[in-house]
Structures are given as C-alpha cells and as structure tokens.
C-alpha cells in the first residue's frame, strides 16, 4: 500500500508540483490548500508524512506543527517544513516548532524526493 503524504500548501502551482512528484514516485498525495483545514484532514487521512508550507495566509505552518505534534494520534507523524525562509534563525524556529525536516524553496526535485523517502 502506498504511503500517504498530506501536502499543506496554499500556492496552487507548488501544491500541484508536490502532489504530482509524490504520485510519480509511488506515494498517495492528499492536497490541502488551506492551513486551517490541515489538522482535521490529518486526523481523517492518517498520513505517514505531512509536508507543511510555513508561510500561508490565515495560519502559519509553524503554528500548525505544534498542534499536530500535540495530538496523540498524530504526534508520531513526521513533518517536513517547506519554506522560502532560508535564514538559520528561521530553520531553528521551525525545527523548535516540531518539524522533523526543513527544505527551503526553490526546491530541487531530487532533494525533495530524497527528504520524503528519508522520513517515511
């Protein structure tokens, strides 16, 4: 059975790219366009991995990650943060929020798939 990956990304082009890339590599991709729906969708889907954009309208990824990690049913699910932020302080802040991996945009396709495979 294919590993399920919940992709939380507000940018439609990035969402399509990530989902298409995951599907091409044998993963079942579950898109979420609005961060406000991320935790509920994670509870419903029970993903093997969450790919979380950090900079989104309404709610930021670094606010959602601790919420995912606080849920006993989701705490074990690794989270890969994807962001245009590239500073060392940003990475430290995002990892402190509970992210298991950090990938900065623009994303190299091979690096993206490698990071996903490492986490699932």
PDB file of N, CA and C in Angstrom:
ATOM      1  N   UNK A   1       0.851  -1.189   0.000  1.00  0.00           N
ATOM      2  CA  UNK A   1       0.000   0.000   0.000  1.00  0.00           C
ATOM      3  C   UNK A   1       0.891   1.246   0.000  1.00  0.00           C
ATOM      4  N   UNK A   2       0.523   2.217  -0.806  1.00  0.00           N
ATOM      5  CA  UNK A   2       1.318   3.448  -0.926  1.00  0.00           C
ATOM      6  C   UNK A   2       1.276   4.252   0.365  1.00  0.00           C
ATOM      7  N   UNK A   3       2.397   4.828   0.708  1.00  0.00           N
ATOM      8  CA  UNK A   3       2.479   5.717   1.868  1.00  0.00           C
ATOM      9  C   UNK A   3       1.686   6.984   1.560  1.00  0.00           C
ATOM     10  N   UNK A   4       0.925   7.451   2.551  1.00  0.00           N
ATOM     11  CA  UNK A   4       0.096   8.660   2.374  1.00  0.00           C
ATOM     12  C   UNK A   4       0.860   9.883   2.845  1.00  0.00           C
ATOM     13  N   UNK A   5       0.844  10.910   2.000  1.00  0.00           N
ATOM     14  CA  UNK A   5       1.511  12.167   2.327  1.00  0.00           C
ATOM     15  C   UNK A   5       0.493  13.290   2.226  1.00  0.00           C
ATOM     16  N   UNK A   6       0.290  13.988   3.331  1.00  0.00           N
ATOM     17  CA  UNK A   6      -0.591  15.150   3.359  1.00  0.00           C
ATOM     18  C   UNK A   6       0.250  16.359   2.977  1.00  0.00           C
ATOM     19  N   UNK A   7      -0.140  17.064   1.930  1.00  0.00           N
ATOM     20  CA  UNK A   7       0.606  18.218   1.448  1.00  0.00           C
ATOM     21  C   UNK A   7      -0.204  19.476   1.744  1.00  0.00           C
ATOM     22  N   UNK A   8       0.301  20.294   2.662  1.00  0.00           N
ATOM     23  CA  UNK A   8      -0.377  21.526   3.069  1.00  0.00           C
ATOM     24  C   UNK A   8       0.367  22.684   2.416  1.00  0.00           C
ATOM     25  N   UNK A   9      -0.250  23.269   1.396  1.00  0.00           N
ATOM     26  CA  UNK A   9       0.407  24.304   0.588  1.00  0.00           C
ATOM     27  C   UNK A   9      -0.663  25.188  -0.033  1.00  0.00           C
ATOM     28  N   UNK A  10      -0.557  26.504   0.178  1.00  0.00           N
ATOM     29  CA  UNK A  10      -1.561  27.420  -0.361  1.00  0.00           C
ATOM     30  C   UNK A  10      -1.301  27.819  -1.809  1.00  0.00           C
ATOM     31  N   UNK A  11      -0.074  27.704  -2.272  1.00  0.00           N
ATOM     32  CA  UNK A  11       0.262  28.061  -3.655  1.00  0.00           C
ATOM     33  C   UNK A  11      -0.136  26.906  -4.575  1.00  0.00           C
ATOM     34  N   UNK A  12      -1.065  27.183  -5.472  1.00  0.00           N
ATOM     35  CA  UNK A  12      -1.631  26.138  -6.329  1.00  0.00           C
ATOM     36  C   UNK A  12      -0.572  25.437  -7.187  1.00  0.00           C
ATOM     37  N   UNK A  13       0.379  26.192  -7.729  1.00  0.00           N
ATOM     38  CA  UNK A  13       1.427  25.584  -8.560  1.00  0.00           C
ATOM     39  C   UNK A  13       2.329  24.669  -7.734  1.00  0.00           C
ATOM     40  N   UNK A  14       2.734  25.115  -6.555  1.00  0.00           N
ATOM     41  CA  UNK A  14       3.563  24.278  -5.686  1.00  0.00           C
ATOM     42  C   UNK A  14       2.799  23.034  -5.239  1.00  0.00           C
ATOM     43  N   UNK A  15       1.530  23.210  -4.907  1.00  0.00           N
ATOM     44  CA  UNK A  15       0.708  22.083  -4.479  1.00  0.00           C
ATOM     45  C   UNK A  15       0.641  21.026  -5.574  1.00  0.00           C
ATOM     46  N   UNK A  16       0.391  21.456  -6.790  1.00  0.00           N
ATOM     47  CA  UNK A  16       0.319  20.527  -7.925  1.00  0.00           C
ATOM     48  C   UNK A  16       1.671  19.862  -8.155  1.00  0.00           C
ATOM     49  N   UNK A  17       2.747  20.641  -8.130  1.00  0.00           N
ATOM     50  CA  UNK A  17       4.085  20.088  -8.333  1.00  0.00           C
ATOM     51  C   UNK A  17       4.395  19.021  -7.284  1.00  0.00           C
ATOM     52  N   UNK A  18       4.185  19.354  -6.007  1.00  0.00           N
ATOM     53  CA  UNK A  18       4.499  18.405  -4.934  1.00  0.00           C
ATOM     54  C   UNK A  18       3.673  17.133  -5.064  1.00  0.00           C
ATOM     55  N   UNK A  19       2.369  17.285  -5.291  1.00  0.00           N
ATOM     56  CA  UNK A  19       1.492  16.114  -5.400  1.00  0.00           C
ATOM     57  C   UNK A  19       1.843  15.260  -6.617  1.00  0.00           C
ATOM     58  N   UNK A  20       2.082  15.895  -7.758  1.00  0.00           N
ATOM     59  CA  UNK A  20       2.456  15.147  -8.962  1.00  0.00           C
ATOM     60  C   UNK A  20       3.770  14.405  -8.753  1.00  0.00           C
ATOM     61  N   UNK A  21       4.724  15.067  -8.144  1.00  0.00           N
ATOM     62  CA  UNK A  21       6.027  14.460  -7.890  1.00  0.00           C
ATOM     63  C   UNK A  21       5.899  13.274  -6.937  1.00  0.00           C
ATOM     64  N   UNK A  22       5.124  13.444  -5.883  1.00  0.00           N
ATOM     65  CA  UNK A  22       4.904  12.346  -4.941  1.00  0.00           C
ATOM     66  C   UNK A  22       4.234  11.163  -5.625  1.00  0.00           C
ATOM     67  N   UNK A  23       3.201  11.434  -6.398  1.00  0.00           N
ATOM     68  CA  UNK A  23       2.482  10.350  -7.087  1.00  0.00           C
ATOM     69  C   UNK A  23       3.389   9.634  -8.088  1.00  0.00           C
ATOM     70  N   UNK A  24       4.243  10.389  -8.768  1.00  0.00           N
ATOM     71  CA  UNK A  24       5.174   9.793  -9.732  1.00  0.00           C
ATOM     72  C   UNK A  24       6.171   8.856  -9.051  1.00  0.00           C
ATOM     73  N   UNK A  25       6.379   9.050  -7.756  1.00  0.00           N
ATOM     74  CA  UNK A  25       7.306   8.211  -7.001  1.00  0.00           C
ATOM     75  C   UNK A  25       6.589   7.208  -6.088  1.00  0.00           C
ATOM     76  N   UNK A  26       5.312   6.966  -6.380  1.00  0.00           N
ATOM     77  CA  UNK A  26       4.595   5.897  -5.712  1.00  0.00           C
ATOM     78  C   UNK A  26       3.913   6.237  -4.399  1.00  0.00           C
ATOM     79  N   UNK A  27       3.811   7.516  -4.078  1.00  0.00           N
ATOM     80  CA  UNK A  27       3.133   7.936  -2.850  1.00  0.00           C
ATOM     81  C   UNK A  27       1.696   8.331  -3.158  1.00  0.00           C
ATOM     82  N   UNK A  28       0.831   8.226  -2.154  1.00  0.00           N
ATOM     83  CA  UNK A  28      -0.541   8.724  -2.274  1.00  0.00           C
ATOM     84  C   UNK A  28      -0.549  10.130  -1.685  1.00  0.00           C
ATOM     85  N   UNK A  29      -0.734  11.121  -2.532  1.00  0.00           N
ATOM     86  CA  UNK A  29      -0.693  12.523  -2.100  1.00  0.00           C
ATOM     87  C   UNK A  29      -2.096  13.030  -1.810  1.00  0.00           C
ATOM     88  N   UNK A  30      -2.235  13.692  -0.658  1.00  0.00           N
ATOM     89  CA  UNK A  30      -3.502  14.281  -0.223  1.00  0.00           C
ATOM     90  C   UNK A  30      -3.313  15.789  -0.122  1.00  0.00           C
ATOM     91  N   UNK A  31      -3.843  16.571  -1.058  1.00  0.00           N
ATOM     92  CA  UNK A  31      -3.633  18.025  -1.025  1.00  0.00           C
ATOM     93  C   UNK A  31      -4.548  18.749  -0.039  1.00  0.00           C
ATOM     94  N   UNK A  32      -3.985  19.767   0.609  1.00  0.00           N
ATOM     95  CA  UNK A  32      -4.747  20.669   1.477  1.00  0.00           C
ATOM     96  C   UNK A  32      -4.321  22.085   1.114  1.00  0.00           C
ATOM     97  N   UNK A  33      -5.256  22.890   0.648  1.00  0.00           N
ATOM     98  CA  UNK A  33      -4.949  24.244   0.181  1.00  0.00           C
ATOM     99  C   UNK A  33      -5.003  25.296   1.284  1.00  0.00           C
ATOM    100  N   UNK A  34      -5.725  25.009   2.344  1.00  0.00           N
ATOM    101  CA  UNK A  34      -5.936  25.982   3.416  1.00  0.00           C
ATOM    102  C   UNK A  34      -5.428  25.386   4.726  1.00  0.00           C
ATOM    103  N   UNK A  35      -4.448  26.036   5.334  1.00  0.00           N
ATOM    104  CA  UNK A  35      -3.856  25.548   6.563  1.00  0.00           C
ATOM    105  C   UNK A  35      -4.869  25.335   7.683  1.00  0.00           C
ATOM    106  N   UNK A  36      -5.966  26.092   7.651  1.00  0.00           N
ATOM    107  CA  UNK A  36      -6.986  25.949   8.694  1.00  0.00           C
ATOM    108  C   UNK A  36      -7.643  24.568   8.665  1.00  0.00           C
ATOM    109  N   UNK A  37      -7.497  23.847   7.545  1.00  0.00           N
ATOM    110  CA  UNK A  37      -8.078  22.509   7.415  1.00  0.00           C
ATOM    111  C   UNK A  37      -7.054  21.405   7.681  1.00  0.00           C
ATOM    112  N   UNK A  38      -5.803  21.760   7.896  1.00  0.00           N
ATOM    113  CA  UNK A  38      -4.715  20.784   7.940  1.00  0.00           C
ATOM    114  C   UNK A  38      -4.850  19.753   9.051  1.00  0.00           C
ATOM    115  N   UNK A  39      -5.130  20.180  10.264  1.00  0.00           N
ATOM    116  CA  UNK A  39      -5.179  19.245  11.387  1.00  0.00           C
ATOM    117  C   UNK A  39      -6.369  18.294  11.235  1.00  0.00           C
ATOM    118  N   UNK A  40      -7.516  18.814  10.865  1.00  0.00           N
ATOM    119  CA  UNK A  40      -8.693  17.958  10.671  1.00  0.00           C
ATOM    120  C   UNK A  40      -8.454  16.951   9.550  1.00  0.00           C
ATOM    121  N   UNK A  41      -7.842  17.401   8.474  1.00  0.00           N
ATOM    122  CA  UNK A  41      -7.542  16.475   7.362  1.00  0.00           C
ATOM    123  C   UNK A  41      -6.526  15.428   7.788  1.00  0.00           C
ATOM    124  N   UNK A  42      -5.532  15.832   8.577  1.00  0.00           N
ATOM    125  CA  UNK A  42      -4.542  14.867   9.067  1.00  0.00           C
ATOM    126  C   UNK A  42      -5.219  13.812   9.930  1.00  0.00           C
ATOM    127  N   UNK A  43      -6.154  14.218  10.759  1.00  0.00           N
ATOM    128  CA  UNK A  43      -6.881  13.263  11.603  1.00  0.00           C
ATOM    129  C   UNK A  43      -7.693  12.292  10.748  1.00  0.00           C
ATOM    130  N   UNK A  44      -8.280  12.796   9.660  1.00  0.00           N
ATOM    131  CA  UNK A  44      -9.105  11.964   8.783  1.00  0.00           C
ATOM    132  C   UNK A  44      -8.263  11.041   7.903  1.00  0.00           C
ATOM    133  N   UNK A  45      -7.164  11.539   7.394  1.00  0.00           N
ATOM    134  CA  UNK A  45      -6.345  10.808   6.421  1.00  0.00           C
ATOM    135  C   UNK A  45      -5.350   9.857   7.087  1.00  0.00           C
ATOM    136  N   UNK A  46      -4.880  10.213   8.281  1.00  0.00           N
ATOM    137  CA  UNK A  46      -3.841   9.429   8.984  1.00  0.00           C
ATOM    138  C   UNK A  46      -2.610   9.258   8.090  1.00  0.00           C
ATOM    139  N   UNK A  47      -1.972  10.365   7.739  1.00  0.00           N
ATOM    140  CA  UNK A  47      -0.844  10.288   6.804  1.00  0.00           C
ATOM    141  C   UNK A  47       0.400   9.673   7.442  1.00  0.00           C
ATOM    142  N   UNK A  48       1.292   9.233   6.572  1.00  0.00           N
ATOM    143  CA  UNK A  48       2.601   8.739   7.000  1.00  0.00           C
ATOM    144  C   UNK A  48       3.602   9.882   7.079  1.00  0.00           C
ATOM    145  N   UNK A  49       3.264  11.005   6.449  1.00  0.00           N
ATOM    146  CA  UNK A  49       4.116  12.194   6.422  1.00  0.00           C
ATOM    147  C   UNK A  49       3.236  13.400   6.142  1.00  0.00           C
ATOM    148  N   UNK A  50       3.602  14.536   6.743  1.00  0.00           N
ATOM    149  CA  UNK A  50       2.955  15.811   6.429  1.00  0.00           C
ATOM    150  C   UNK A  50       4.021  16.734   5.855  1.00  0.00           C
ATOM    151  N   UNK A  51       3.748  17.274   4.675  1.00  0.00           N
ATOM    152  CA  UNK A  51       4.598  18.306   4.094  1.00  0.00           C
ATOM    153  C   UNK A  51       3.882  19.619   4.341  1.00  0.00           C
ATOM    154  N   UNK A  52       4.533  20.518   5.065  1.00  0.00           N
ATOM    155  CA  UNK A  52       3.884  21.727   5.563  1.00  0.00           C
ATOM    156  C   UNK A  52       4.582  22.979   5.047  1.00  0.00           C
ATOM    157  N   UNK A  53       3.853  23.766   4.263  1.00  0.00           N
ATOM    158  CA  UNK A  53       4.342  25.095   3.905  1.00  0.00           C
ATOM    159  C   UNK A  53       4.314  25.930   5.186  1.00  0.00           C
ATOM    160  N   UNK A  54       5.278  26.792   5.350  1.00  0.00           N
ATOM    161  CA  UNK A  54       5.336  27.608   6.565  1.00  0.00           C
ATOM    162  C   UNK A  54       4.600  28.924   6.399  1.00  0.00           C
ATOM    163  N   UNK A  55       4.788  29.561   5.270  1.00  0.00           N
ATOM    164  CA  UNK A  55       4.184  30.880   5.061  1.00  0.00           C
ATOM    165  C   UNK A  55       2.877  30.736   4.293  1.00  0.00           C
ATOM    166  N   UNK A  56       1.761  30.759   5.040  1.00  0.00           N
ATOM    167  CA  UNK A  56       0.431  30.659   4.445  1.00  0.00           C
ATOM    168  C   UNK A  56      -0.464  31.733   5.048  1.00  0.00           C
ATOM    169  N   UNK A  57      -1.501  32.118   4.329  1.00  0.00           N
ATOM    170  CA  UNK A  57      -2.451  33.062   4.920  1.00  0.00           C
ATOM    171  C   UNK A  57      -3.268  32.365   6.010  1.00  0.00           C
ATOM    172  N   UNK A  58      -3.837  33.127   6.884  1.00  0.00           N
ATOM    173  CA  UNK A  58      -4.731  32.667   7.957  1.00  0.00           C
ATOM    174  C   UNK A  58      -3.999  31.999   9.116  1.00  0.00           C
ATOM    175  N   UNK A  59      -3.155  31.013   8.828  1.00  0.00           N
ATOM    176  CA  UNK A  59      -2.407  30.322   9.886  1.00  0.00           C
ATOM    177  C   UNK A  59      -1.080  29.844   9.292  1.00  0.00           C
ATOM    178  N   UNK A  60      -0.009  30.068  10.022  1.00  0.00           N
ATOM    179  CA  UNK A  60       1.312  29.685   9.518  1.00  0.00           C
ATOM    180  C   UNK A  60       1.621  28.238   9.890  1.00  0.00           C
ATOM    181  N   UNK A  61       2.482  27.640   9.095  1.00  0.00           N
ATOM    182  CA  UNK A  61       2.872  26.264   9.341  1.00  0.00           C
ATOM    183  C   UNK A  61       3.544  26.067  10.686  1.00  0.00           C
ATOM    184  N   UNK A  62       4.321  27.058  11.119  1.00  0.00           N
ATOM    185  CA  UNK A  62       4.992  26.880  12.408  1.00  0.00           C
ATOM    186  C   UNK A  62       4.022  26.994  13.584  1.00  0.00           C
ATOM    187  N   UNK A  63       2.795  27.432  13.338  1.00  0.00           N
ATOM    188  CA  UNK A  63       1.738  27.366  14.364  1.00  0.00           C
ATOM    189  C   UNK A  63       0.991  26.036  14.283  1.00  0.00           C
ATOM    190  N   UNK A  64       0.921  25.454  13.083  1.00  0.00           N
ATOM    191  CA  UNK A  64       0.205  24.188  12.914  1.00  0.00           C
ATOM    192  C   UNK A  64       1.023  22.978  13.369  1.00  0.00           C
ATOM    193  N   UNK A  65       2.326  23.028  13.189  1.00  0.00           N
ATOM    194  CA  UNK A  65       3.167  21.875  13.537  1.00  0.00           C
ATOM    195  C   UNK A  65       3.009  21.489  15.011  1.00  0.00           C
ATOM    196  N   UNK A  66       3.096  22.444  15.967  1.00  0.00           N
ATOM    197  CA  UNK A  66       2.902  22.046  17.360  1.00  0.00           C
ATOM    198  C   UNK A  66       1.517  21.458  17.629  1.00  0.00           C
ATOM    199  N   UNK A  67       0.524  21.932  16.905  1.00  0.00           N
ATOM    200  CA  UNK A  67      -0.832  21.394  17.065  1.00  0.00           C
ATOM    201  C   UNK A  67      -0.890  19.933  16.603  1.00  0.00           C
ATOM    202  N   UNK A  68      -0.226  19.637  15.484  1.00  0.00           N
ATOM    203  CA  UNK A  68      -0.149  18.252  15.017  1.00  0.00           C
ATOM    204  C   UNK A  68       0.595  17.380  16.026  1.00  0.00           C
ATOM    205  N   UNK A  69       1.715  17.887  16.523  1.00  0.00           N
ATOM    206  CA  UNK A  69       2.559  17.116  17.434  1.00  0.00           C
ATOM    207  C   UNK A  69       1.899  16.926  18.807  1.00  0.00           C
ATOM    208  N   UNK A  70       0.951  17.791  19.164  1.00  0.00           N
ATOM    209  CA  UNK A  70       0.257  17.681  20.447  1.00  0.00           C
ATOM    210  C   UNK A  70      -0.868  16.656  20.405  1.00  0.00           C
ATOM    211  N   UNK A  71      -1.290  16.265  19.217  1.00  0.00           N
ATOM    212  CA  UNK A  71      -2.365  15.297  19.071  1.00  0.00           C
ATOM    213  C   UNK A  71      -1.784  13.885  19.236  1.00  0.00           C
ATOM    214  N   UNK A  72      -2.260  13.111  20.214  1.00  0.00           N
ATOM    215  CA  UNK A  72      -1.693  11.780  20.451  1.00  0.00           C
ATOM    216  C   UNK A  72      -1.741  10.854  19.230  1.00  0.00           C
ATOM    217  N   UNK A  73      -2.742  11.033  18.372  1.00  0.00           N
ATOM    218  CA  UNK A  73      -2.863  10.187  17.185  1.00  0.00           C
ATOM    219  C   UNK A  73      -1.956  10.631  16.040  1.00  0.00           C
ATOM    220  N   UNK A  74      -1.432  11.861  16.126  1.00  0.00           N
ATOM    221  CA  UNK A  74      -0.607  12.398  15.034  1.00  0.00           C
ATOM    222  C   UNK A  74       0.831  12.681  15.450  1.00  0.00           C
ATOM    223  N   UNK A  75       1.122  12.620  16.730  1.00  0.00           N
ATOM    224  CA  UNK A  75       2.434  13.019  17.244  1.00  0.00           C
ATOM    225  C   UNK A  75       3.586  12.266  16.590  1.00  0.00           C
ATOM    226  N   UNK A  76       3.357  11.028  16.191  1.00  0.00           N
ATOM    227  CA  UNK A  76       4.413  10.215  15.581  1.00  0.00           C
ATOM    228  C   UNK A  76       4.650  10.531  14.101  1.00  0.00           C
ATOM    229  N   UNK A  77       3.739  11.276  13.489  1.00  0.00           N
ATOM    230  CA  UNK A  77       3.830  11.555  12.053  1.00  0.00           C
ATOM    231  C   UNK A  77       4.909  12.611  11.803  1.00  0.00           C
ATOM    232  N   UNK A  78       5.914  12.270  10.990  1.00  0.00           N
ATOM    233  CA  UNK A  78       6.947  13.268  10.708  1.00  0.00           C
ATOM    234  C   UNK A  78       6.389  14.427   9.885  1.00  0.00           C
ATOM    235  N   UNK A  79       6.959  15.600  10.115  1.00  0.00           N
ATOM    236  CA  UNK A  79       6.563  16.810   9.391  1.00  0.00           C
ATOM    237  C   UNK A  79       7.789  17.371   8.677  1.00  0.00           C
ATOM    238  N   UNK A  80       7.641  17.570   7.374  1.00  0.00           N
ATOM    239  CA  UNK A  80       8.692  18.203   6.580  1.00  0.00           C
ATOM    240  C   UNK A  80       8.235  19.623   6.258  1.00  0.00           C
ATOM    241  N   UNK A  81       8.930  20.602   6.822  1.00  0.00           N
ATOM    242  CA  UNK A  81       8.600  22.003   6.574  1.00  0.00           C
ATOM    243  C   UNK A  81       9.213  22.428   5.240  1.00  0.00           C
ATOM    244  N   UNK A  82       8.417  23.143   4.459  1.00  0.00           N
ATOM    245  CA  UNK A  82       8.870  23.664   3.173  1.00  0.00           C
ATOM    246  C   UNK A  82       8.628  25.167   3.198  1.00  0.00           C
ATOM    247  N   UNK A  83       9.683  25.938   2.965  1.00  0.00           N
ATOM    248  CA  UNK A  83       9.520  27.381   3.103  1.00  0.00           C
ATOM    249  C   UNK A  83      10.501  28.158   2.248  1.00  0.00           C
ATOM    250  N   UNK A  84      10.116  29.378   1.952  1.00  0.00           N
ATOM    251  CA  UNK A  84      11.017  30.289   1.251  1.00  0.00           C
ATOM    252  C   UNK A  84      11.981  30.952   2.227  1.00  0.00           C
ATOM    253  N   UNK A  85      11.674  30.850   3.528  1.00  0.00           N
ATOM    254  CA  UNK A  85      12.599  31.365   4.534  1.00  0.00           C
ATOM    255  C   UNK A  85      13.871  30.543   4.462  1.00  0.00           C
ATOM    256  N   UNK A  86      15.000  31.187   4.479  1.00  0.00           N
ATOM    257  CA  UNK A  86      16.242  30.430   4.332  1.00  0.00           C
ATOM    258  C   UNK A  86      17.275  30.763   5.394  1.00  0.00           C
ATOM    259  N   UNK A  87      16.950  31.636   6.327  1.00  0.00           N
ATOM    260  CA  UNK A  87      17.904  32.014   7.352  1.00  0.00           C
ATOM    261  C   UNK A  87      18.058  30.951   8.419  1.00  0.00           C
ATOM    262  N   UNK A  88      19.213  30.922   9.046  1.00  0.00           N
ATOM    263  CA  UNK A  88      19.481  29.936  10.100  1.00  0.00           C
ATOM    264  C   UNK A  88      18.486  30.079  11.254  1.00  0.00           C
ATOM    265  N   UNK A  89      18.150  31.318  11.613  1.00  0.00           N
ATOM    266  CA  UNK A  89      17.191  31.535  12.692  1.00  0.00           C
ATOM    267  C   UNK A  89      15.829  30.962  12.321  1.00  0.00           C
ATOM    268  N   UNK A  90      15.465  31.078  11.038  1.00  0.00           N
ATOM    269  CA  UNK A  90      14.186  30.538  10.582  1.00  0.00           C
ATOM    270  C   UNK A  90      14.165  29.022  10.726  1.00  0.00           C
ATOM    271  N   UNK A  91      15.238  28.374  10.307  1.00  0.00           N
ATOM    272  CA  UNK A  91      15.298  26.919  10.422  1.00  0.00           C
ATOM    273  C   UNK A  91      15.223  26.493  11.883  1.00  0.00           C
ATOM    274  N   UNK A  92      15.934  27.176  12.745  1.00  0.00           N
ATOM    275  CA  UNK A  92      15.907  26.835  14.173  1.00  0.00           C
ATOM    276  C   UNK A  92      14.507  27.011  14.752  1.00  0.00           C
ATOM    277  N   UNK A  93      13.829  28.091  14.374  1.00  0.00           N
ATOM    278  CA  UNK A  93      12.468  28.355  14.856  1.00  0.00           C
ATOM    279  C   UNK A  93      11.503  27.270  14.383  1.00  0.00           C
ATOM    280  N   UNK A  94      11.633  26.884  13.127  1.00  0.00           N
ATOM    281  CA  UNK A  94      10.740  25.881  12.546  1.00  0.00           C
ATOM    282  C   UNK A  94      11.011  24.503  13.148  1.00  0.00           C
ATOM    283  N   UNK A  95      12.265  24.177  13.354  1.00  0.00           N
ATOM    284  CA  UNK A  95      12.598  22.887  13.991  1.00  0.00           C
ATOM    285  C   UNK A  95      12.142  22.886  15.455  1.00  0.00           C
ATOM    286  N   UNK A  96      12.256  24.032  16.119  1.00  0.00           N
ATOM    287  CA  UNK A  96      11.792  24.133  17.510  1.00  0.00           C
ATOM    288  C   UNK A  96      10.274  23.940  17.594  1.00  0.00           C
ATOM    289  N   UNK A  97       9.560  24.289  16.534  1.00  0.00           N
ATOM    290  CA  UNK A  97       8.106  24.085  16.498  1.00  0.00           C
ATOM    291  C   UNK A  97       7.756  22.601  16.374  1.00  0.00           C
ATOM    292  N   UNK A  98       8.732  21.781  15.968  1.00  0.00           N
ATOM    293  CA  UNK A  98       8.498  20.345  15.879  1.00  0.00           C
ATOM    294  C   UNK A  98       8.727  19.720  14.520  1.00  0.00           C
ATOM    295  N   UNK A  99       9.187  20.495  13.548  1.00  0.00           N
ATOM    296  CA  UNK A  99       9.445  19.941  12.215  1.00  0.00           C
ATOM    297  C   UNK A  99      10.587  18.928  12.283  1.00  0.00           C
ATOM    298  N   UNK A 100      10.418  17.822  11.592  1.00  0.00           N
ATOM    299  CA  UNK A 100      11.435  16.774  11.554  1.00  0.00           C
ATOM    300  C   UNK A 100      12.452  17.012  10.447  1.00  0.00           C
ATOM    301  N   UNK A 101      12.064  17.806   9.460  1.00  0.00           N
ATOM    302  CA  UNK A 101      12.959  18.147   8.350  1.00  0.00           C
ATOM    303  C   UNK A 101      12.584  19.532   7.856  1.00  0.00           C
ATOM    304  N   UNK A 102      13.533  20.152   7.177  1.00  0.00           N
ATOM    305  CA  UNK A 102      13.373  21.527   6.707  1.00  0.00           C
ATOM    306  C   UNK A 102      13.954  21.602   5.304  1.00  0.00           C
ATOM    307  N   UNK A 103      13.134  22.014   4.341  1.00  0.00           N
ATOM    308  CA  UNK A 103      13.587  22.155   2.958  1.00  0.00           C
ATOM    309  C   UNK A 103      13.217  23.558   2.502  1.00  0.00           C
ATOM    310  N   UNK A 104      14.200  24.291   1.980  1.00  0.00           N
ATOM    311  CA  UNK A 104      13.924  25.654   1.546  1.00  0.00           C
ATOM    312  C   UNK A 104      13.576  25.695   0.054  1.00  0.00           C
ATOM    313  N   UNK A 105      12.733  26.647  -0.298  1.00  0.00           N
ATOM    314  CA  UNK A 105      12.353  26.890  -1.696  1.00  0.00           C
ATOM    315  C   UNK A 105      13.375  27.841  -2.305  1.00  0.00           C
ATOM    316  N   UNK A 106      13.641  27.768  -3.584  1.00  0.00           N
ATOM    317  CA  UNK A 106      13.100  26.782  -4.517  1.00  0.00           C
ATOM    318  C   UNK A 106      13.670  25.394  -4.231  1.00  0.00           C
ATOM    319  N   UNK A 107      12.857  24.414  -4.476  1.00  0.00           N
ATOM    320  CA  UNK A 107      13.190  23.042  -4.108  1.00  0.00           C
ATOM    321  C   UNK A 107      13.747  22.288  -5.300  1.00  0.00           C
ATOM    322  N   UNK A 108      14.868  21.622  -5.076  1.00  0.00           N
ATOM    323  CA  UNK A 108      15.385  20.703  -6.080  1.00  0.00           C
ATOM    324  C   UNK A 108      14.561  19.432  -6.020  1.00  0.00           C
ATOM    325  N   UNK A 109      14.126  18.934  -7.167  1.00  0.00           N
ATOM    326  CA  UNK A 109      13.223  17.788  -7.190  1.00  0.00           C
ATOM    327  C   UNK A 109      13.843  16.547  -6.561  1.00  0.00           C
ATOM    328  N   UNK A 110      15.091  16.255  -6.880  1.00  0.00           N
ATOM    329  CA  UNK A 110      15.749  15.076  -6.310  1.00  0.00           C
ATOM    330  C   UNK A 110      15.890  15.217  -4.796  1.00  0.00           C
ATOM    331  N   UNK A 111      16.239  16.410  -4.344  1.00  0.00           N
ATOM    332  CA  UNK A 111      16.384  16.658  -2.907  1.00  0.00           C
ATOM    333  C   UNK A 111      15.046  16.507  -2.181  1.00  0.00           C
ATOM    334  N   UNK A 112      13.995  16.972  -2.804  1.00  0.00           N
ATOM    335  CA  UNK A 112      12.647  16.855  -2.237  1.00  0.00           C
ATOM    336  C   UNK A 112      12.276  15.385  -2.043  1.00  0.00           C
ATOM    337  N   UNK A 113      12.416  14.580  -3.101  1.00  0.00           N
ATOM    338  CA  UNK A 113      12.059  13.165  -3.034  1.00  0.00           C
ATOM    339  C   UNK A 113      12.956  12.437  -2.023  1.00  0.00           C
ATOM    340  N   UNK A 114      14.220  12.769  -1.984  1.00  0.00           N
ATOM    341  CA  UNK A 114      15.143  12.154  -1.027  1.00  0.00           C
ATOM    342  C   UNK A 114      14.698  12.454   0.405  1.00  0.00           C
ATOM    343  N   UNK A 115      14.306  13.700   0.670  1.00  0.00           N
ATOM    344  CA  UNK A 115      13.856  14.080   2.009  1.00  0.00           C
ATOM    345  C   UNK A 115      12.592  13.323   2.388  1.00  0.00           C
ATOM    346  N   UNK A 116      11.679  13.181   1.453  1.00  0.00           N
ATOM    347  CA  UNK A 116      10.436  12.434   1.704  1.00  0.00           C
ATOM    348  C   UNK A 116      10.758  10.983   2.033  1.00  0.00           C
ATOM    349  N   UNK A 117      11.588  10.361   1.224  1.00  0.00           N
ATOM    350  CA  UNK A 117      11.931   8.942   1.444  1.00  0.00           C
ATOM    351  C   UNK A 117      12.636   8.736   2.777  1.00  0.00           C
ATOM    352  N   UNK A 118      13.440   9.696   3.188  1.00  0.00           N
ATOM    353  CA  UNK A 118      14.132   9.596   4.474  1.00  0.00           C
ATOM    354  C   UNK A 118      13.152   9.600   5.637  1.00  0.00           C
ATOM    355  N   UNK A 119      12.053  10.313   5.492  1.00  0.00           N
ATOM    356  CA  UNK A 119      11.091  10.479   6.583  1.00  0.00           C
ATOM    357  C   UNK A 119      10.027   9.384   6.675  1.00  0.00           C
ATOM    358  N   UNK A 120       9.754   8.683   5.569  1.00  0.00           N
ATOM    359  CA  UNK A 120       8.680   7.654   5.621  1.00  0.00           C
ATOM    360  C   UNK A 120       9.204   6.234   5.601  1.00  0.00           C
TER     361      UNK A 120
END
